[in-house]
Amino acid sequence: PRLELRPARGRSASLIAAVKAGDLDAALVAQP
């Protein structure tokens, strides 16, 4: 209950880039 999930949407490539950049903690994507 003390964990906040902040979802973000996008395409696989942009979400992967956001994880690499540290803008997202993780992403559910299609693996290249």
Full PDB file with SEQRES, HELIX, SHEET, SSBOND, CRYST1, ORIGX, SCALE, CONECT and MASTER records, all heavy atoms in Angstrom:
SEQRES   1 A   32  PRO ARG LEU GLU LEU ARG PRO ALA ARG GLY ARG SER ALA          
SEQRES   2 A   32  SER LEU ILE ALA ALA VAL LYS ALA GLY ASP LEU ASP ALA          
SEQRES   3 A   32  ALA LEU VAL ALA GLN PRO                                      
HELIX    1 AA1 SER A   12  ALA A   21  1                                  10    
CRYST1    1.000    1.000    1.000  90.00  90.00  90.00 P 1           1          
ORIGX1      1.000000  0.000000  0.000000        0.00000                         
ORIGX2      0.000000  1.000000  0.000000        0.00000                         
ORIGX3      0.000000  0.000000  1.000000        0.00000                         
SCALE1      1.000000  0.000000  0.000000        0.00000                         
SCALE2      0.000000  1.000000  0.000000        0.00000                         
SCALE3      0.000000  0.000000  1.000000        0.00000                         
ATOM      1  N   PRO A   1       0.797  -1.230   0.000  1.00  0.00           N  
ATOM      2  CA  PRO A   1       0.000   0.000   0.000  1.00  0.00           C  
ATOM      3  C   PRO A   1       0.830   1.280   0.000  1.00  0.00           C  
ATOM      4  O   PRO A   1       0.326   2.333  -0.369  1.00  0.00           O  
ATOM      5  CB  PRO A   1      -0.842  -0.123   1.272  1.00  0.00           C  
ATOM      6  CG  PRO A   1      -0.207  -1.176   2.092  1.00  0.00           C  
ATOM      7  CD  PRO A   1       0.577  -2.055   1.183  1.00  0.00           C  
ATOM      8  N   ARG A   2       2.091   1.195   0.386  1.00  0.00           N  
ATOM      9  CA  ARG A   2       2.932   2.391   0.433  1.00  0.00           C  
ATOM     10  C   ARG A   2       3.760   2.567  -0.842  1.00  0.00           C  
ATOM     11  O   ARG A   2       4.621   3.429  -0.908  1.00  0.00           O  
ATOM     12  CB  ARG A   2       3.827   2.338   1.661  1.00  0.00           C  
ATOM     13  CG  ARG A   2       2.977   2.329   2.947  1.00  0.00           C  
ATOM     14  CD  ARG A   2       3.779   2.138   4.172  1.00  0.00           C  
ATOM     15  NE  ARG A   2       4.551   3.329   4.440  1.00  0.00           N  
ATOM     16  CZ  ARG A   2       5.409   3.443   5.414  1.00  0.00           C  
ATOM     17  NH1 ARG A   2       5.591   2.442   6.255  1.00  0.00           N  
ATOM     18  NH2 ARG A   2       6.090   4.553   5.605  1.00  0.00           N  
ATOM     19  N   LEU A   3       3.485   1.737  -1.842  1.00  0.00           N  
ATOM     20  CA  LEU A   3       4.178   1.829  -3.124  1.00  0.00           C  
ATOM     21  C   LEU A   3       3.275   2.515  -4.142  1.00  0.00           C  
ATOM     22  O   LEU A   3       2.116   2.154  -4.305  1.00  0.00           O  
ATOM     23  CB  LEU A   3       4.552   0.427  -3.625  1.00  0.00           C  
ATOM     24  CG  LEU A   3       5.300   0.367  -4.952  1.00  0.00           C  
ATOM     25  CD1 LEU A   3       6.695   0.965  -4.807  1.00  0.00           C  
ATOM     26  CD2 LEU A   3       5.391  -1.069  -5.426  1.00  0.00           C  
ATOM     27  N   GLU A   4       3.812   3.500  -4.817  1.00  0.00           N  
ATOM     28  CA  GLU A   4       3.047   4.218  -5.838  1.00  0.00           C  
ATOM     29  C   GLU A   4       3.547   3.782  -7.217  1.00  0.00           C  
ATOM     30  O   GLU A   4       4.737   3.852  -7.512  1.00  0.00           O  
ATOM     31  CB  GLU A   4       3.254   5.727  -5.694  1.00  0.00           C  
ATOM     32  CG  GLU A   4       2.579   6.532  -6.769  1.00  0.00           C  
ATOM     33  CD  GLU A   4       3.005   7.996  -6.761  1.00  0.00           C  
ATOM     34  OE1 GLU A   4       3.909   8.376  -5.997  1.00  0.00           O  
ATOM     35  OE2 GLU A   4       2.431   8.756  -7.564  1.00  0.00           O  
ATOM     36  N   LEU A   5       2.645   3.305  -8.049  1.00  0.00           N  
ATOM     37  CA  LEU A   5       2.986   2.926  -9.416  1.00  0.00           C  
ATOM     38  C   LEU A   5       2.635   4.089 -10.326  1.00  0.00           C  
ATOM     39  O   LEU A   5       1.492   4.548 -10.350  1.00  0.00           O  
ATOM     40  CB  LEU A   5       2.210   1.673  -9.834  1.00  0.00           C  
ATOM     41  CG  LEU A   5       2.517   1.159 -11.236  1.00  0.00           C  
ATOM     42  CD1 LEU A   5       3.967   0.706 -11.345  1.00  0.00           C  
ATOM     43  CD2 LEU A   5       1.583   0.015 -11.584  1.00  0.00           C  
ATOM     44  N   ARG A   6       3.625   4.574 -11.058  1.00  0.00           N  
ATOM     45  CA  ARG A   6       3.414   5.685 -11.985  1.00  0.00           C  
ATOM     46  C   ARG A   6       3.587   5.161 -13.410  1.00  0.00           C  
ATOM     47  O   ARG A   6       4.714   5.075 -13.903  1.00  0.00           O  
ATOM     48  CB  ARG A   6       4.385   6.812 -11.672  1.00  0.00           C  
ATOM     49  CG  ARG A   6       4.085   7.426 -10.316  1.00  0.00           C  
ATOM     50  CD  ARG A   6       4.906   8.632  -9.936  1.00  0.00           C  
ATOM     51  NE  ARG A   6       5.832   9.134 -10.908  1.00  0.00           N  
ATOM     52  CZ  ARG A   6       7.000   9.662 -10.603  1.00  0.00           C  
ATOM     53  NH1 ARG A   6       7.387   9.757  -9.349  1.00  0.00           N  
ATOM     54  NH2 ARG A   6       7.796  10.112 -11.549  1.00  0.00           N  
ATOM     55  N   PRO A   7       2.490   4.791 -14.065  1.00  0.00           N  
ATOM     56  CA  PRO A   7       2.591   4.228 -15.417  1.00  0.00           C  
ATOM     57  C   PRO A   7       2.853   5.295 -16.468  1.00  0.00           C  
ATOM     58  O   PRO A   7       2.441   6.444 -16.337  1.00  0.00           O  
ATOM     59  CB  PRO A   7       1.236   3.563 -15.632  1.00  0.00           C  
ATOM     60  CG  PRO A   7       0.306   4.236 -14.694  1.00  0.00           C  
ATOM     61  CD  PRO A   7       1.121   4.769 -13.553  1.00  0.00           C  
ATOM     62  N   ALA A   8       3.555   4.868 -17.497  1.00  0.00           N  
ATOM     63  CA  ALA A   8       3.796   5.718 -18.662  1.00  0.00           C  
ATOM     64  C   ALA A   8       3.574   4.852 -19.891  1.00  0.00           C  
ATOM     65  O   ALA A   8       3.841   3.656 -19.854  1.00  0.00           O  
ATOM     66  CB  ALA A   8       5.228   6.255 -18.644  1.00  0.00           C  
ATOM     67  N   ARG A   9       3.061   5.453 -20.960  1.00  0.00           N  
ATOM     68  CA  ARG A   9       2.818   4.659 -22.153  1.00  0.00           C  
ATOM     69  C   ARG A   9       3.699   5.146 -23.283  1.00  0.00           C  
ATOM     70  O   ARG A   9       4.183   6.275 -23.288  1.00  0.00           O  
ATOM     71  CB  ARG A   9       1.356   4.704 -22.537  1.00  0.00           C  
ATOM     72  CG  ARG A   9       0.884   6.042 -23.000  1.00  0.00           C  
ATOM     73  CD  ARG A   9      -0.551   5.963 -23.422  1.00  0.00           C  
ATOM     74  NE  ARG A   9      -0.987   7.275 -23.868  1.00  0.00           N  
ATOM     75  CZ  ARG A   9      -2.191   7.725 -23.727  1.00  0.00           C  
ATOM     76  NH1 ARG A   9      -3.092   6.974 -23.144  1.00  0.00           N  
ATOM     77  NH2 ARG A   9      -2.508   8.916 -24.156  1.00  0.00           N  
ATOM     78  N   GLY A  10       3.881   4.260 -24.230  1.00  0.00           N  
ATOM     79  CA  GLY A  10       4.691   4.608 -25.395  1.00  0.00           C  
ATOM     80  C   GLY A  10       4.940   3.382 -26.242  1.00  0.00           C  
ATOM     81  O   GLY A  10       4.365   2.315 -26.012  1.00  0.00           O  
ATOM     82  N   ARG A  11       5.825   3.523 -27.190  1.00  0.00           N  
ATOM     83  CA  ARG A  11       6.224   2.406 -28.041  1.00  0.00           C  
ATOM     84  C   ARG A  11       7.458   1.755 -27.437  1.00  0.00           C  
ATOM     85  O   ARG A  11       8.184   2.380 -26.665  1.00  0.00           O  
ATOM     86  CB  ARG A  11       6.506   2.890 -29.448  1.00  0.00           C  
ATOM     87  CG  ARG A  11       5.259   3.427 -30.122  1.00  0.00           C  
ATOM     88  CD  ARG A  11       5.574   3.980 -31.483  1.00  0.00           C  
ATOM     89  NE  ARG A  11       4.365   4.509 -32.074  1.00  0.00           N  
ATOM     90  CZ  ARG A  11       3.871   4.072 -33.211  1.00  0.00           C  
ATOM     91  NH1 ARG A  11       4.472   3.138 -33.887  1.00  0.00           N  
ATOM     92  NH2 ARG A  11       2.759   4.596 -33.681  1.00  0.00           N  
ATOM     93  N   SER A  12       7.691   0.519 -27.813  1.00  0.00           N  
ATOM     94  CA  SER A  12       8.793  -0.236 -27.226  1.00  0.00           C  
ATOM     95  C   SER A  12      10.120   0.502 -27.281  1.00  0.00           C  
ATOM     96  O   SER A  12      10.818   0.622 -26.275  1.00  0.00           O  
ATOM     97  CB  SER A  12       8.934  -1.608 -27.900  1.00  0.00           C  
ATOM     98  OG  SER A  12       7.853  -2.436 -27.570  1.00  0.00           O  
ATOM     99  N   ALA A  13      10.485   1.016 -28.464  1.00  0.00           N  
ATOM    100  CA  ALA A  13      11.787   1.677 -28.619  1.00  0.00           C  
ATOM    101  C   ALA A  13      11.931   2.880 -27.689  1.00  0.00           C  
ATOM    102  O   ALA A  13      12.977   3.062 -27.047  1.00  0.00           O  
ATOM    103  CB  ALA A  13      11.993   2.091 -30.076  1.00  0.00           C  
ATOM    104  N   SER A  14      10.894   3.715 -27.605  1.00  0.00           N  
ATOM    105  CA  SER A  14      10.999   4.907 -26.753  1.00  0.00           C  
ATOM    106  C   SER A  14      10.998   4.531 -25.271  1.00  0.00           C  
ATOM    107  O   SER A  14      11.678   5.169 -24.462  1.00  0.00           O  
ATOM    108  CB  SER A  14       9.883   5.896 -27.063  1.00  0.00           C  
ATOM    109  OG  SER A  14       8.619   5.328 -26.774  1.00  0.00           O  
ATOM    110  N   LEU A  15      10.257   3.492 -24.904  1.00  0.00           N  
ATOM    111  CA  LEU A  15      10.253   3.061 -23.502  1.00  0.00           C  
ATOM    112  C   LEU A  15      11.594   2.465 -23.100  1.00  0.00           C  
ATOM    113  O   LEU A  15      12.097   2.712 -21.999  1.00  0.00           O  
ATOM    114  CB  LEU A  15       9.113   2.066 -23.250  1.00  0.00           C  
ATOM    115  CG  LEU A  15       7.689   2.633 -23.378  1.00  0.00           C  
ATOM    116  CD1 LEU A  15       6.663   1.517 -23.290  1.00  0.00           C  
ATOM    117  CD2 LEU A  15       7.434   3.701 -22.328  1.00  0.00           C  
ATOM    118  N   ILE A  16      12.194   1.677 -23.995  1.00  0.00           N  
ATOM    119  CA  ILE A  16      13.527   1.117 -23.716  1.00  0.00           C  
ATOM    120  C   ILE A  16      14.541   2.237 -23.547  1.00  0.00           C  
ATOM    121  O   ILE A  16      15.363   2.222 -22.622  1.00  0.00           O  
ATOM    122  CB  ILE A  16      13.947   0.141 -24.838  1.00  0.00           C  
ATOM    123  CG1 ILE A  16      13.065  -1.117 -24.803  1.00  0.00           C  
ATOM    124  CG2 ILE A  16      15.419  -0.236 -24.714  1.00  0.00           C  
ATOM    125  CD1 ILE A  16      13.204  -2.022 -26.022  1.00  0.00           C  
ATOM    126  N   ALA A  17      14.473   3.228 -24.417  1.00  0.00           N  
ATOM    127  CA  ALA A  17      15.380   4.375 -24.313  1.00  0.00           C  
ATOM    128  C   ALA A  17      15.176   5.119 -22.991  1.00  0.00           C  
ATOM    129  O   ALA A  17      16.145   5.556 -22.363  1.00  0.00           O  
ATOM    130  CB  ALA A  17      15.166   5.319 -25.498  1.00  0.00           C  
ATOM    131  N   ALA A  18      13.927   5.235 -22.549  1.00  0.00           N  
ATOM    132  CA  ALA A  18      13.637   5.921 -21.280  1.00  0.00           C  
ATOM    133  C   ALA A  18      14.195   5.137 -20.085  1.00  0.00           C  
ATOM    134  O   ALA A  18      14.671   5.735 -19.114  1.00  0.00           O  
ATOM    135  CB  ALA A  18      12.128   6.126 -21.130  1.00  0.00           C  
ATOM    136  N   VAL A  19      14.161   3.808 -20.148  1.00  0.00           N  
ATOM    137  CA  VAL A  19      14.744   3.006 -19.076  1.00  0.00           C  
ATOM    138  C   VAL A  19      16.258   3.199 -19.064  1.00  0.00           C  
ATOM    139  O   VAL A  19      16.863   3.413 -18.004  1.00  0.00           O  
ATOM    140  CB  VAL A  19      14.376   1.507 -19.219  1.00  0.00           C  
ATOM    141  CG1 VAL A  19      15.154   0.659 -18.226  1.00  0.00           C  
ATOM    142  CG2 VAL A  19      12.881   1.300 -19.020  1.00  0.00           C  
ATOM    143  N   LYS A  20      16.881   3.145 -20.228  1.00  0.00           N  
ATOM    144  CA  LYS A  20      18.333   3.347 -20.316  1.00  0.00           C  
ATOM    145  C   LYS A  20      18.745   4.717 -19.794  1.00  0.00           C  
ATOM    146  O   LYS A  20      19.774   4.869 -19.148  1.00  0.00           O  
ATOM    147  CB  LYS A  20      18.804   3.209 -21.766  1.00  0.00           C  
ATOM    148  CG  LYS A  20      18.816   1.794 -22.276  1.00  0.00           C  
ATOM    149  CD  LYS A  20      19.303   1.804 -23.731  1.00  0.00           C  
ATOM    150  CE  LYS A  20      19.219   0.456 -24.364  1.00  0.00           C  
ATOM    151  NZ  LYS A  20      19.619   0.483 -25.786  1.00  0.00           N  
ATOM    152  N   ALA A  21      17.900   5.729 -20.058  1.00  0.00           N  
ATOM    153  CA  ALA A  21      18.211   7.103 -19.629  1.00  0.00           C  
ATOM    154  C   ALA A  21      17.893   7.338 -18.157  1.00  0.00           C  
ATOM    155  O   ALA A  21      18.248   8.377 -17.608  1.00  0.00           O  
ATOM    156  CB  ALA A  21      17.428   8.097 -20.496  1.00  0.00           C  
ATOM    157  N   GLY A  22      17.207   6.389 -17.520  1.00  0.00           N  
ATOM    158  CA  GLY A  22      16.860   6.559 -16.116  1.00  0.00           C  
ATOM    159  C   GLY A  22      15.552   7.292 -15.897  1.00  0.00           C  
ATOM    160  O   GLY A  22      15.199   7.607 -14.763  1.00  0.00           O  
ATOM    161  N   ASP A  23      14.817   7.560 -16.968  1.00  0.00           N  
ATOM    162  CA  ASP A  23      13.531   8.243 -16.838  1.00  0.00           C  
ATOM    163  C   ASP A  23      12.428   7.286 -16.391  1.00  0.00           C  
ATOM    164  O   ASP A  23      11.408   7.722 -15.856  1.00  0.00           O  
ATOM    165  CB  ASP A  23      13.138   8.897 -18.161  1.00  0.00           C  
ATOM    166  CG  ASP A  23      14.132   9.984 -18.563  1.00  0.00           C  
ATOM    167  OD1 ASP A  23      14.708  10.619 -17.664  1.00  0.00           O  
ATOM    168  OD2 ASP A  23      14.328  10.171 -19.775  1.00  0.00           O  
ATOM    169  N   LEU A  24      12.606   5.989 -16.640  1.00  0.00           N  
ATOM    170  CA  LEU A  24      11.689   4.949 -16.173  1.00  0.00           C  
ATOM    171  C   LEU A  24      12.490   3.913 -15.397  1.00  0.00           C  
ATOM    172  O   LEU A  24      13.667   3.689 -15.680  1.00  0.00           O  
ATOM    173  CB  LEU A  24      10.995   4.260 -17.364  1.00  0.00           C  
ATOM    174  CG  LEU A  24      10.001   5.057 -18.172  1.00  0.00           C  
ATOM    175  CD1 LEU A  24       9.531   4.240 -19.382  1.00  0.00           C  
ATOM    176  CD2 LEU A  24       8.802   5.456 -17.315  1.00  0.00           C  
ATOM    177  N   ASP A  25      11.839   3.281 -14.434  1.00  0.00           N  
ATOM    178  CA  ASP A  25      12.502   2.222 -13.670  1.00  0.00           C  
ATOM    179  C   ASP A  25      12.475   0.892 -14.420  1.00  0.00           C  
ATOM    180  O   ASP A  25      13.401   0.086 -14.316  1.00  0.00           O  
ATOM    181  CB  ASP A  25      11.824   2.058 -12.305  1.00  0.00           C  
ATOM    182  CG  ASP A  25      11.946   3.317 -11.470  1.00  0.00           C  
ATOM    183  OD1 ASP A  25      13.084   3.802 -11.296  1.00  0.00           O  
ATOM    184  OD2 ASP A  25      10.898   3.821 -11.006  1.00  0.00           O  
ATOM    185  N   ALA A  26      11.397   0.640 -15.136  1.00  0.00           N  
ATOM    186  CA  ALA A  26      11.233  -0.599 -15.894  1.00  0.00           C  
ATOM    187  C   ALA A  26      10.173  -0.354 -16.961  1.00  0.00           C  
ATOM    188  O   ALA A  26       9.438   0.627 -16.901  1.00  0.00           O  
ATOM    189  CB  ALA A  26      10.798  -1.732 -14.976  1.00  0.00           C  
ATOM    190  N   ALA A  27      10.101  -1.270 -17.915  1.00  0.00           N  
ATOM    191  CA  ALA A  27       9.098  -1.138 -18.974  1.00  0.00           C  
ATOM    192  C   ALA A  27       8.691  -2.514 -19.468  1.00  0.00           C  
ATOM    193  O   ALA A  27       9.521  -3.403 -19.604  1.00  0.00           O  
ATOM    194  CB  ALA A  27       9.635  -0.295 -20.125  1.00  0.00           C  
ATOM    195  N   LEU A  28       7.406  -2.667 -19.718  1.00  0.00           N  
ATOM    196  CA  LEU A  28       6.856  -3.870 -20.322  1.00  0.00           C  
ATOM    197  C   LEU A  28       6.776  -3.598 -21.819  1.00  0.00           C  
ATOM    198  O   LEU A  28       5.958  -2.804 -22.271  1.00  0.00           O  
ATOM    199  CB  LEU A  28       5.469  -4.175 -19.751  1.00  0.00           C  
ATOM    200  CG  LEU A  28       4.821  -5.468 -20.215  1.00  0.00           C  
ATOM    201  CD1 LEU A  28       5.656  -6.672 -19.814  1.00  0.00           C  
ATOM    202  CD2 LEU A  28       3.432  -5.591 -19.620  1.00  0.00           C  
ATOM    203  N   VAL A  29       7.685  -4.221 -22.575  1.00  0.00           N  
ATOM    204  CA  VAL A  29       7.836  -3.928 -23.998  1.00  0.00           C  
ATOM    205  C   VAL A  29       8.027  -5.222 -24.783  1.00  0.00           C  
ATOM    206  O   VAL A  29       8.216  -6.291 -24.206  1.00  0.00           O  
ATOM    207  CB  VAL A  29       9.069  -3.018 -24.238  1.00  0.00           C  
ATOM    208  CG1 VAL A  29       8.901  -1.674 -23.566  1.00  0.00           C  
ATOM    209  CG2 VAL A  29      10.343  -3.695 -23.774  1.00  0.00           C  
ATOM    210  N   ALA A  30       8.017  -5.092 -26.094  1.00  0.00           N  
ATOM    211  CA  ALA A  30       8.400  -6.193 -26.971  1.00  0.00           C  
ATOM    212  C   ALA A  30       9.922  -6.158 -27.083  1.00  0.00           C  
ATOM    213  O   ALA A  30      10.489  -5.128 -27.453  1.00  0.00           O  
ATOM    214  CB  ALA A  30       7.752  -6.028 -28.334  1.00  0.00           C  
ATOM    215  N   GLN A  31      10.574  -7.267 -26.733  1.00  0.00           N  
ATOM    216  CA  GLN A  31      12.034  -7.297 -26.781  1.00  0.00           C  
ATOM    217  C   GLN A  31      12.496  -7.252 -28.238  1.00  0.00           C  
ATOM    218  O   GLN A  31      11.963  -7.977 -29.081  1.00  0.00           O  
ATOM    219  CB  GLN A  31      12.573  -8.551 -26.107  1.00  0.00           C  
ATOM    220  CG  GLN A  31      14.089  -8.573 -26.021  1.00  0.00           C  
ATOM    221  CD  GLN A  31      14.614  -9.756 -25.229  1.00  0.00           C  
ATOM    222  OE1 GLN A  31      13.849 -10.555 -24.717  1.00  0.00           O  
ATOM    223  NE2 GLN A  31      15.913  -9.867 -25.126  1.00  0.00           N  
ATOM    224  N   PRO A  32      13.467  -6.418 -28.542  1.00  0.00           N  
ATOM    225  CA  PRO A  32      13.952  -6.327 -29.923  1.00  0.00           C  
ATOM    226  C   PRO A  32      14.505  -7.674 -30.396  1.00  0.00           C  
ATOM    227  O   PRO A  32      15.017  -8.457 -29.601  1.00  0.00           O  
ATOM    228  CB  PRO A  32      15.070  -5.283 -29.842  1.00  0.00           C  
ATOM    229  CG  PRO A  32      14.834  -4.548 -28.579  1.00  0.00           C  
ATOM    230  CD  PRO A  32      14.138  -5.498 -27.654  1.00  0.00           C  
TER     231      PRO A  32                                                      
MASTER        0    0    0    1    0    0    0    6  230    1    0    3          
END                                                                             
